[in-house]
Amino acid sequence: MPADERITPERVADAPPSHELSTAGVGPWPGPWPDDQRYDPELLANGDTRNVIDRFRYWRMEAIVDALDAERHPFHVAIENWQHDMNIGSIVRSANAFGAEAVHIVGRRRWNKRGAMVTDRYQHVDHHEDVAALIRWAADRGLPIIAVDNVPGSVIIETFAMPRRCVLLFGQEGPGLSPEAIDAADAVVEISQFGSTRSINASAAAAVAMHVWVTQHAGLG
């Protein structure tokens, strides 16, 4: 069971009474409504079929964002967007799942949101015109940039000590990171592979890299 869905007394108290919770959603709230501003009257009346964990059933979107803001991890995710890569939405979804501080789209402002499954409503997403703009933004905040790509000179990610505060920078499916992004990075890491394929899917690589950060810094032990 994921850590954010473990049963605690607080979350039991937040759950609707005598109501089966599932990933398919829940119906209208049974019995008297809770006296709590976090809850959305429309969802209480009609049910909640959103893709949210049980803790957030029936909550207003703004209340969910506020709760996530109080718990986000201090790593950022940046994605180059020169070719309208369909993986970007999936990367945003993974960033939400792993509690990233924010996602940064570098390049084209418009991005394919289909794979995000509406998680972009709960995840802070910023835009930078180019890699140089991202570099300036990160430098102003003292955030090292960790590029993820299997290029010569990269370090195996499983052996790499992730900075607690950092930006994980990803490229696009196929071309990977741009030379400018590689040159700007404080470190370049790659994911160990043992089969015949040269690379794994970009969104899968992003999820692996974020999970490596989580295993080192999220205090799950």
C-alpha atoms as a PDB file:
ATOM      1  CA  MET A   1       0.000   0.000   0.000  1.00  0.00           C
ATOM      2  CA  PRO A   2       1.479   3.408  -0.906  1.00  0.00           C
ATOM      3  CA  ALA A   3       2.583   5.516   2.062  1.00  0.00           C
ATOM      4  CA  ASP A   4       0.038   8.235   1.305  1.00  0.00           C
ATOM      5  CA  GLU A   5      -2.817   5.711   1.477  1.00  0.00           C
ATOM      6  CA  ARG A   6      -1.846   3.963   4.707  1.00  0.00           C
ATOM      7  CA  ILE A   7      -4.708   3.903   7.187  1.00  0.00           C
ATOM      8  CA  THR A   8      -4.266   6.371  10.033  1.00  0.00           C
ATOM      9  CA  PRO A   9      -6.784   7.561  12.644  1.00  0.00           C
ATOM     10  CA  GLU A  10      -6.939  10.940  10.928  1.00  0.00           C
ATOM     11  CA  ARG A  11      -7.727   9.438   7.556  1.00  0.00           C
ATOM     12  CA  VAL A  12     -10.279   7.060   9.000  1.00  0.00           C
ATOM     13  CA  ALA A  13     -12.012  10.106  10.477  1.00  0.00           C
ATOM     14  CA  ASP A  14     -11.926  11.816   7.071  1.00  0.00           C
ATOM     15  CA  ALA A  15     -13.403   8.843   5.219  1.00  0.00           C
ATOM     16  CA  PRO A  16     -17.142   8.768   4.535  1.00  0.00           C
ATOM     17  CA  PRO A  17     -19.065   6.576   7.009  1.00  0.00           C
ATOM     18  CA  SER A  18     -20.253   3.120   5.912  1.00  0.00           C
ATOM     19  CA  HIS A  19     -19.087   3.792   2.372  1.00  0.00           C
ATOM     20  CA  GLU A  20     -16.915   1.459   0.305  1.00  0.00           C
ATOM     21  CA  LEU A  21     -13.945   3.334  -1.158  1.00  0.00           C
ATOM     22  CA  SER A  22     -12.493   2.282  -4.494  1.00  0.00           C
ATOM     23  CA  THR A  23     -10.464   3.573  -7.422  1.00  0.00           C
ATOM     24  CA  ALA A  24     -13.717   3.724  -9.408  1.00  0.00           C
ATOM     25  CA  GLY A  25     -14.983   6.441  -7.080  1.00  0.00           C
ATOM     26  CA  VAL A  26     -17.767   6.740  -4.565  1.00  0.00           C
ATOM     27  CA  GLY A  27     -21.434   7.640  -4.700  1.00  0.00           C
ATOM     28  CA  PRO A  28     -23.233  10.414  -2.828  1.00  0.00           C
ATOM     29  CA  TRP A  29     -22.254  10.857   0.819  1.00  0.00           C
ATOM     30  CA  PRO A  30     -24.556   8.790   3.045  1.00  0.00           C
ATOM     31  CA  GLY A  31     -25.982  10.399   6.155  1.00  0.00           C
ATOM     32  CA  PRO A  32     -25.348  13.905   7.503  1.00  0.00           C
ATOM     33  CA  TRP A  33     -22.775  15.907   5.594  1.00  0.00           C
ATOM     34  CA  PRO A  34     -19.453  16.743   7.301  1.00  0.00           C
ATOM     35  CA  ASP A  35     -19.090  20.272   8.661  1.00  0.00           C
ATOM     36  CA  ASP A  36     -15.750  20.911   6.998  1.00  0.00           C
ATOM     37  CA  GLN A  37     -14.889  23.525   4.368  1.00  0.00           C
ATOM     38  CA  ARG A  38     -12.572  21.083   2.589  1.00  0.00           C
ATOM     39  CA  TYR A  39     -15.553  19.150   1.257  1.00  0.00           C
ATOM     40  CA  ASP A  40     -17.298  20.060  -2.002  1.00  0.00           C
ATOM     41  CA  PRO A  41     -21.119  20.161  -1.710  1.00  0.00           C
ATOM     42  CA  GLU A  42     -21.559  19.079  -5.326  1.00  0.00           C
ATOM     43  CA  LEU A  43     -19.347  16.028  -4.812  1.00  0.00           C
ATOM     44  CA  LEU A  44     -21.081  15.165  -1.548  1.00  0.00           C
ATOM     45  CA  ALA A  45     -24.416  15.276  -3.341  1.00  0.00           C
ATOM     46  CA  ASN A  46     -23.462  13.484  -6.560  1.00  0.00           C
ATOM     47  CA  GLY A  47     -20.475  11.310  -5.683  1.00  0.00           C
ATOM     48  CA  ASP A  48     -16.777  11.549  -6.492  1.00  0.00           C
ATOM     49  CA  THR A  49     -15.365   9.605  -9.454  1.00  0.00           C
ATOM     50  CA  ARG A  50     -12.078  11.510  -9.693  1.00  0.00           C
ATOM     51  CA  ASN A  51      -8.715   9.750  -9.788  1.00  0.00           C
ATOM     52  CA  VAL A  52      -7.722  10.726  -6.239  1.00  0.00           C
ATOM     53  CA  ILE A  53      -6.633   8.697  -3.229  1.00  0.00           C
ATOM     54  CA  ASP A  54      -9.237   7.895  -0.576  1.00  0.00           C
ATOM     55  CA  ARG A  55      -7.930  10.608   1.723  1.00  0.00           C
ATOM     56  CA  PHE A  56      -9.127  13.262  -0.737  1.00  0.00           C
ATOM     57  CA  ARG A  57     -12.555  11.853  -1.628  1.00  0.00           C
ATOM     58  CA  TYR A  58     -15.178  14.612  -1.808  1.00  0.00           C
ATOM     59  CA  TRP A  59     -12.580  17.346  -1.199  1.00  0.00           C
ATOM     60  CA  ARG A  60     -12.563  20.574  -3.172  1.00  0.00           C
ATOM     61  CA  MET A  61      -9.754  20.784  -5.709  1.00  0.00           C
ATOM     62  CA  GLU A  62      -8.283  23.817  -3.927  1.00  0.00           C
ATOM     63  CA  ALA A  63      -8.266  21.937  -0.609  1.00  0.00           C
ATOM     64  CA  ILE A  64      -6.387  19.042  -2.196  1.00  0.00           C
ATOM     65  CA  VAL A  65      -3.780  21.401  -3.649  1.00  0.00           C
ATOM     66  CA  ASP A  66      -3.347  23.073  -0.250  1.00  0.00           C
ATOM     67  CA  ALA A  67      -2.826  19.699   1.425  1.00  0.00           C
ATOM     68  CA  LEU A  68      -0.295  18.638  -1.206  1.00  0.00           C
ATOM     69  CA  ASP A  69       1.544  21.960  -0.908  1.00  0.00           C
ATOM     70  CA  ALA A  70       2.129  21.247   2.764  1.00  0.00           C
ATOM     71  CA  GLU A  71       3.741  17.887   1.953  1.00  0.00           C
ATOM     72  CA  ARG A  72       5.538  18.267  -1.388  1.00  0.00           C
ATOM     73  CA  HIS A  73       9.124  17.080  -1.713  1.00  0.00           C
ATOM     74  CA  PRO A  74      11.891  19.602  -2.507  1.00  0.00           C
ATOM     75  CA  PHE A  75      12.741  18.243  -5.960  1.00  0.00           C
ATOM     76  CA  HIS A  76      11.526  19.674  -9.261  1.00  0.00           C
ATOM     77  CA  VAL A  77      10.974  17.991 -12.605  1.00  0.00           C
ATOM     78  CA  ALA A  78      11.850  19.706 -15.894  1.00  0.00           C
ATOM     79  CA  ILE A  79      11.008  18.413 -19.366  1.00  0.00           C
ATOM     80  CA  GLU A  80      12.224  19.668 -22.723  1.00  0.00           C
ATOM     81  CA  ASN A  81       9.266  20.185 -25.077  1.00  0.00           C
ATOM     82  CA  TRP A  82      10.444  20.830 -28.606  1.00  0.00           C
ATOM     83  CA  GLN A  83       8.357  18.229 -30.459  1.00  0.00           C
ATOM     84  CA  HIS A  84       5.109  18.084 -28.450  1.00  0.00           C
ATOM     85  CA  ASP A  85       6.153  14.775 -26.874  1.00  0.00           C
ATOM     86  CA  MET A  86       3.157  12.699 -25.738  1.00  0.00           C
ATOM     87  CA  ASN A  87       5.175  11.449 -22.739  1.00  0.00           C
ATOM     88  CA  ILE A  88       4.987  14.809 -20.995  1.00  0.00           C
ATOM     89  CA  GLY A  89       1.511  14.180 -19.601  1.00  0.00           C
ATOM     90  CA  SER A  90       2.622  10.867 -18.112  1.00  0.00           C
ATOM     91  CA  ILE A  91       5.663  12.553 -16.552  1.00  0.00           C
ATOM     92  CA  VAL A  92       3.397  15.164 -14.948  1.00  0.00           C
ATOM     93  CA  ARG A  93       1.256  12.348 -13.556  1.00  0.00           C
ATOM     94  CA  SER A  94       4.325  10.651 -12.067  1.00  0.00           C
ATOM     95  CA  ALA A  95       5.529  13.960 -10.620  1.00  0.00           C
ATOM     96  CA  ASN A  96       2.189  14.291  -8.866  1.00  0.00           C
ATOM     97  CA  ALA A  97       2.384  10.711  -7.577  1.00  0.00           C
ATOM     98  CA  PHE A  98       5.894  11.206  -6.166  1.00  0.00           C
ATOM     99  CA  GLY A  99       5.126  14.607  -4.643  1.00  0.00           C
ATOM    100  CA  ALA A 100       7.370  16.826  -6.768  1.00  0.00           C
ATOM    101  CA  GLU A 101       7.467  20.493  -5.838  1.00  0.00           C
ATOM    102  CA  ALA A 102       6.712  21.554  -9.413  1.00  0.00           C
ATOM    103  CA  VAL A 103       7.001  20.530 -13.058  1.00  0.00           C
ATOM    104  CA  HIS A 104       8.727  22.824 -15.561  1.00  0.00           C
ATOM    105  CA  ILE A 105       7.970  22.681 -19.276  1.00  0.00           C
ATOM    106  CA  VAL A 106      10.971  23.924 -21.276  1.00  0.00           C
ATOM    107  CA  GLY A 107      10.371  25.081 -24.846  1.00  0.00           C
ATOM    108  CA  ARG A 108       6.918  25.039 -26.389  1.00  0.00           C
ATOM    109  CA  ARG A 109       4.276  26.295 -23.986  1.00  0.00           C
ATOM    110  CA  ARG A 110       1.594  23.900 -25.203  1.00  0.00           C
ATOM    111  CA  TRP A 111       2.031  20.301 -24.150  1.00  0.00           C
ATOM    112  CA  ASN A 112       0.040  17.106 -24.576  1.00  0.00           C
ATOM    113  CA  LYS A 113      -1.994  16.698 -21.375  1.00  0.00           C
ATOM    114  CA  ARG A 114      -3.678  13.420 -22.238  1.00  0.00           C
ATOM    115  CA  GLY A 115      -1.321  11.246 -20.199  1.00  0.00           C
ATOM    116  CA  ALA A 116      -1.611  13.522 -17.167  1.00  0.00           C
ATOM    117  CA  MET A 117      -5.084  12.127 -16.402  1.00  0.00           C
ATOM    118  CA  VAL A 118      -6.103  15.518 -14.940  1.00  0.00           C
ATOM    119  CA  THR A 119      -3.273  15.441 -12.357  1.00  0.00           C
ATOM    120  CA  ASP A 120      -2.051  18.780 -13.732  1.00  0.00           C
ATOM    121  CA  ARG A 121      -4.928  20.361 -11.785  1.00  0.00           C
ATOM    122  CA  TYR A 122      -3.203  19.363  -8.557  1.00  0.00           C
ATOM    123  CA  GLN A 123       0.419  19.758  -9.662  1.00  0.00           C
ATOM    124  CA  HIS A 124       2.186  23.109 -10.089  1.00  0.00           C
ATOM    125  CA  VAL A 125       3.309  23.381 -13.731  1.00  0.00           C
ATOM    126  CA  ASP A 126       5.550  26.260 -14.852  1.00  0.00           C
ATOM    127  CA  HIS A 127       6.974  27.230 -18.235  1.00  0.00           C
ATOM    128  CA  HIS A 128      10.416  28.363 -19.400  1.00  0.00           C
ATOM    129  CA  GLU A 129      11.094  29.582 -22.931  1.00  0.00           C
ATOM    130  CA  ASP A 130      14.352  27.674 -23.277  1.00  0.00           C
ATOM    131  CA  VAL A 131      17.069  25.827 -21.365  1.00  0.00           C
ATOM    132  CA  ALA A 132      18.874  29.101 -20.605  1.00  0.00           C
ATOM    133  CA  ALA A 133      15.768  30.398 -18.824  1.00  0.00           C
ATOM    134  CA  LEU A 134      15.526  27.201 -16.762  1.00  0.00           C
ATOM    135  CA  ILE A 135      19.210  27.481 -15.841  1.00  0.00           C
ATOM    136  CA  ARG A 136      18.719  31.046 -14.607  1.00  0.00           C
ATOM    137  CA  TRP A 137      15.648  30.042 -12.616  1.00  0.00           C
ATOM    138  CA  ALA A 138      17.464  27.120 -10.964  1.00  0.00           C
ATOM    139  CA  ALA A 139      20.615  29.168 -10.257  1.00  0.00           C
ATOM    140  CA  ASP A 140      18.581  31.888  -8.539  1.00  0.00           C
ATOM    141  CA  ARG A 141      17.279  29.237  -6.126  1.00  0.00           C
ATOM    142  CA  GLY A 142      20.500  27.308  -5.662  1.00  0.00           C
ATOM    143  CA  LEU A 143      19.071  24.189  -7.282  1.00  0.00           C
ATOM    144  CA  PRO A 144      21.500  21.829  -9.052  1.00  0.00           C
ATOM    145  CA  ILE A 145      20.288  20.368 -12.341  1.00  0.00           C
ATOM    146  CA  ILE A 146      20.499  16.579 -12.624  1.00  0.00           C
ATOM    147  CA  ALA A 147      20.067  15.504 -16.244  1.00  0.00           C
ATOM    148  CA  VAL A 148      18.781  11.991 -16.933  1.00  0.00           C
ATOM    149  CA  ASP A 149      20.017  10.483 -20.202  1.00  0.00           C
ATOM    150  CA  ASN A 150      22.160   7.561 -21.311  1.00  0.00           C
ATOM    151  CA  VAL A 151      24.994   9.517 -22.889  1.00  0.00           C
ATOM    152  CA  PRO A 152      28.764   9.027 -22.669  1.00  0.00           C
ATOM    153  CA  GLY A 153      30.117  10.087 -19.311  1.00  0.00           C
ATOM    154  CA  SER A 154      26.862   9.654 -17.417  1.00  0.00           C
ATOM    155  CA  VAL A 155      26.810   8.147 -13.920  1.00  0.00           C
ATOM    156  CA  ILE A 156      24.728   5.093 -13.079  1.00  0.00           C
ATOM    157  CA  ILE A 157      21.739   6.492 -11.178  1.00  0.00           C
ATOM    158  CA  GLU A 158      21.636   3.619  -8.702  1.00  0.00           C
ATOM    159  CA  THR A 159      25.092   4.663  -7.453  1.00  0.00           C
ATOM    160  CA  PHE A 160      24.422   8.406  -7.477  1.00  0.00           C
ATOM    161  CA  ALA A 161      23.688  10.429  -4.327  1.00  0.00           C
ATOM    162  CA  MET A 162      20.742  12.610  -5.299  1.00  0.00           C
ATOM    163  CA  PRO A 163      20.804  16.152  -3.903  1.00  0.00           C
ATOM    164  CA  ARG A 164      17.796  16.705  -1.659  1.00  0.00           C
ATOM    165  CA  ARG A 165      16.960  19.967  -3.428  1.00  0.00           C
ATOM    166  CA  CYS A 166      17.402  19.652  -7.169  1.00  0.00           C
ATOM    167  CA  VAL A 167      15.873  19.734 -10.629  1.00  0.00           C
ATOM    168  CA  LEU A 168      15.571  16.416 -12.480  1.00  0.00           C
ATOM    169  CA  LEU A 169      15.814  17.269 -16.176  1.00  0.00           C
ATOM    170  CA  PHE A 170      14.414  14.968 -18.861  1.00  0.00           C
ATOM    171  CA  GLY A 171      14.517  15.010 -22.646  1.00  0.00           C
ATOM    172  CA  GLN A 172      12.135  13.758 -25.266  1.00  0.00           C
ATOM    173  CA  GLU A 173      11.400  10.320 -26.616  1.00  0.00           C
ATOM    174  CA  GLY A 174      13.978   9.541 -29.288  1.00  0.00           C
ATOM    175  CA  PRO A 175      16.436  12.447 -29.306  1.00  0.00           C
ATOM    176  CA  GLY A 176      16.768  12.642 -25.526  1.00  0.00           C
ATOM    177  CA  LEU A 177      18.176  15.786 -23.971  1.00  0.00           C
ATOM    178  CA  SER A 178      19.512  18.608 -26.112  1.00  0.00           C
ATOM    179  CA  PRO A 179      23.273  19.283 -26.068  1.00  0.00           C
ATOM    180  CA  GLU A 180      22.560  22.588 -24.314  1.00  0.00           C
ATOM    181  CA  ALA A 181      20.740  20.775 -21.520  1.00  0.00           C
ATOM    182  CA  ILE A 182      23.540  18.231 -21.111  1.00  0.00           C
ATOM    183  CA  ASP A 183      26.154  20.994 -20.955  1.00  0.00           C
ATOM    184  CA  ALA A 184      24.128  22.928 -18.366  1.00  0.00           C
ATOM    185  CA  ALA A 185      23.651  20.001 -15.991  1.00  0.00           C
ATOM    186  CA  ASP A 186      25.566  19.713 -12.740  1.00  0.00           C
ATOM    187  CA  ALA A 187      25.476  15.940 -13.196  1.00  0.00           C
ATOM    188  CA  VAL A 188      24.224  13.497 -15.825  1.00  0.00           C
ATOM    189  CA  VAL A 189      22.863  10.117 -14.734  1.00  0.00           C
ATOM    190  CA  GLU A 190      21.533   7.088 -16.560  1.00  0.00           C
ATOM    191  CA  ILE A 191      19.360   4.153 -15.527  1.00  0.00           C
ATOM    192  CA  SER A 192      20.901   0.676 -15.533  1.00  0.00           C
ATOM    193  CA  GLN A 193      19.589  -1.554 -18.339  1.00  0.00           C
ATOM    194  CA  PHE A 194      20.274  -5.209 -19.022  1.00  0.00           C
ATOM    195  CA  GLY A 195      18.379  -6.053 -22.214  1.00  0.00           C
ATOM    196  CA  SER A 196      18.846  -5.408 -25.924  1.00  0.00           C
ATOM    197  CA  THR A 197      17.004  -2.080 -26.165  1.00  0.00           C
ATOM    198  CA  ARG A 198      19.114   1.073 -26.182  1.00  0.00           C
ATOM    199  CA  SER A 199      16.682   3.058 -24.051  1.00  0.00           C
ATOM    200  CA  ILE A 200      13.437   2.844 -22.124  1.00  0.00           C
ATOM    201  CA  ASN A 201      10.353   4.985 -22.606  1.00  0.00           C
ATOM    202  CA  ALA A 202      10.896   8.611 -21.535  1.00  0.00           C
ATOM    203  CA  SER A 203       8.011   8.637 -19.061  1.00  0.00           C
ATOM    204  CA  ALA A 204       9.183   5.328 -17.578  1.00  0.00           C
ATOM    205  CA  ALA A 205      12.693   6.726 -17.160  1.00  0.00           C
ATOM    206  CA  ALA A 206      11.307   9.801 -15.423  1.00  0.00           C
ATOM    207  CA  ALA A 207       9.300   7.659 -13.007  1.00  0.00           C
ATOM    208  CA  VAL A 208      12.382   5.561 -12.184  1.00  0.00           C
ATOM    209  CA  ALA A 209      14.492   8.669 -11.536  1.00  0.00           C
ATOM    210  CA  MET A 210      11.857  10.217  -9.282  1.00  0.00           C
ATOM    211  CA  HIS A 211      11.575   6.969  -7.353  1.00  0.00           C
ATOM    212  CA  VAL A 212      15.340   6.924  -6.831  1.00  0.00           C
ATOM    213  CA  TRP A 213      15.023  10.383  -5.244  1.00  0.00           C
ATOM    214  CA  VAL A 214      12.165   9.125  -3.055  1.00  0.00           C
ATOM    215  CA  THR A 215      14.116   6.096  -1.832  1.00  0.00           C
ATOM    216  CA  GLN A 216      17.001   8.362  -0.789  1.00  0.00           C
ATOM    217  CA  HIS A 217      15.131  11.254   0.783  1.00  0.00           C
ATOM    218  CA  ALA A 218      11.474  10.494   1.584  1.00  0.00           C
ATOM    219  CA  GLY A 219      12.151   8.760   4.911  1.00  0.00           C
ATOM    220  CA  LEU A 220      10.286   5.555   4.090  1.00  0.00           C
ATOM    221  CA  GLY A 221      12.421   3.311   6.264  1.00  0.00           C
END
